[in-house]
Amino acid sequence: MAYKFIECNREQMYLMPLSLRDWLGKGDIVWFILDAVKQMDLKDFYKKHRRDGWGRPAYEPSMMVALLLYAYCMASRSSRKIEWLCERDIAFRVIAANQKPDHSSIARFRHENAEELEALFIEILRLCVEAGLVKVGTVALDGTKIEVNASLSSNRTKEHIEKEVAKMLAEAEQVDSEEDRKYGKKNRGDELPEDLRNSKSRLERLEACKKCLEEKDAKTRQKQQHKIEQRQAEEKASGKKKRGRKPKKPEEIELNEKKANITDPDSRIMKTRKGYVQGYNEQAVVTEGQVIVAAELTQEENDMHQLHPMLKEAQENLKAVNVDGKIENVLADAGYCNDDNLDAETEDGPTLYVATKKDHKQRQKLREKLTAEGTIPEGLSARERMDWRLSTAQGKELYKKRSPMSEGVFGQIKSSRGINRFLQKGFELCSSEWKFICGAHNLLKLYASGKVCWA
């Protein structure tokens, strides 16, 4: 008796669907993204192209935007992988209308339209607002570290950079002398070979590193001078000399141990739970529905100075997309806790719920049965007042939401979609990419909600 199998005949001829609409189901995310892009204002993308029909034709901007949004949603950000998928994957072929943009065109579009792609964050947030997804009574603020396209081993001290710059300048001078002898001083000669062009760009990056280290040195000396002046003011007020070792003069501080990265001079060495990485500090303000309402990139290694700037940006973004209502409560971990942040809280602004201890200690305290009641006691410091607020029944209930709101979003971006490294180099380009990543996250939230806000 013969086996009963479904036939597997690779020589069978097929008639493919005549319409791309027949290639994917009606509820596929591809159709959602294409419809969403139609709702966005893309005029800034089109302004960069000629209207007279001259020149080599470019890929349609709306198609490229949809292609990148879908790629980021599907965790396929590499331009070479996107090119490959446009040949092999049905969904990518549908979005590209069966065209096959090469990786150079994709990378160039992303690089040349960084600001325009960054602005899509607000466009997508507007779609979320129109669908009723953005409820801003309570928001959570948190930061995470993402690596850049550079290695930790590429960090150099100021002394090392100065030696390398001097060496490269000497080599450049030698090349100039040899070319003068070969071509004559008035003759141009052929273009520089590729290795020398790379050397020129490397020299530019080394100069940028040197400037970065000089700025760090200046800030360190300024901070040391402020410490000395503060000590002198305290001694003058008390009429007594302070005990302990006097702070060194700014010019006596050893500064050569600071380092900068020669691959991406704007990036910084960041400490994470898993060790040190070369990267940036990514900030996000998130609603209870895990919609990101503000996203920013910072070079600072900690979150201490990001609380009020991020809240201000969130309020400006919400105003820009015509959100009714305002932020009432803000949840943040101990990384944002200092006296200046707590003292800056205003009566007409949102109420802060900022942890005063590390996260595991704060959670342990929230589990305690003792609950603060009544009015806040007088004579407490800013931290003690915040401790008291977090000990109330309302404070405990609200702070429990912080981790699922903010850390849940970072988990979806970094773990679920595998976005652990920027593809771009430089602060401005990485900042644009971070906002585009957050925009793609919000677009997925809108798709999952099923609340399509357009016909």
Foldseek 3Di string as FASTA:
>chain_A
DDDDDDDDDPVDDDDDDPDLCVVDDPLDVLVVLLVLLVQFDQVVVVVVDDPPPDDDDAQDVSLLLSLCLVCLLQLNNQLQVLLVCCVVPSSSVSSSVNDRDHSVSSVVSCVVCLVVLLVVLLSLVLQCVLLVNDDFQEKEKDKDWFFAPAFPVQKDWLVVLVVVLVVLVVVVVVVLVVVCVVQNPVDDDDDDDPVVVVSVVLSVLSVLLNVVLVVVLVVQQVVLVVVQVVQVVVCVVVVHHDDDDHGDHSVPDDRRVDIAGSVFRLWDWEQDPVGIHTGWMKMFMWDLLLQTQFIFIHRDRFCQPPVVVRQVSSQVSCVVSPHPDHYAEYAYECSNDDQVVLVPDDPPHHHYQYHVDHDVVLVVLLPDPDAADDDQDPPDGSNVSSVNCCRHPVNSVSNVSRCCRPVVNVCCSCPVSPRRYDPDGYRSSSRSVRSSSSSSSSSVSVSVVVSRSDD
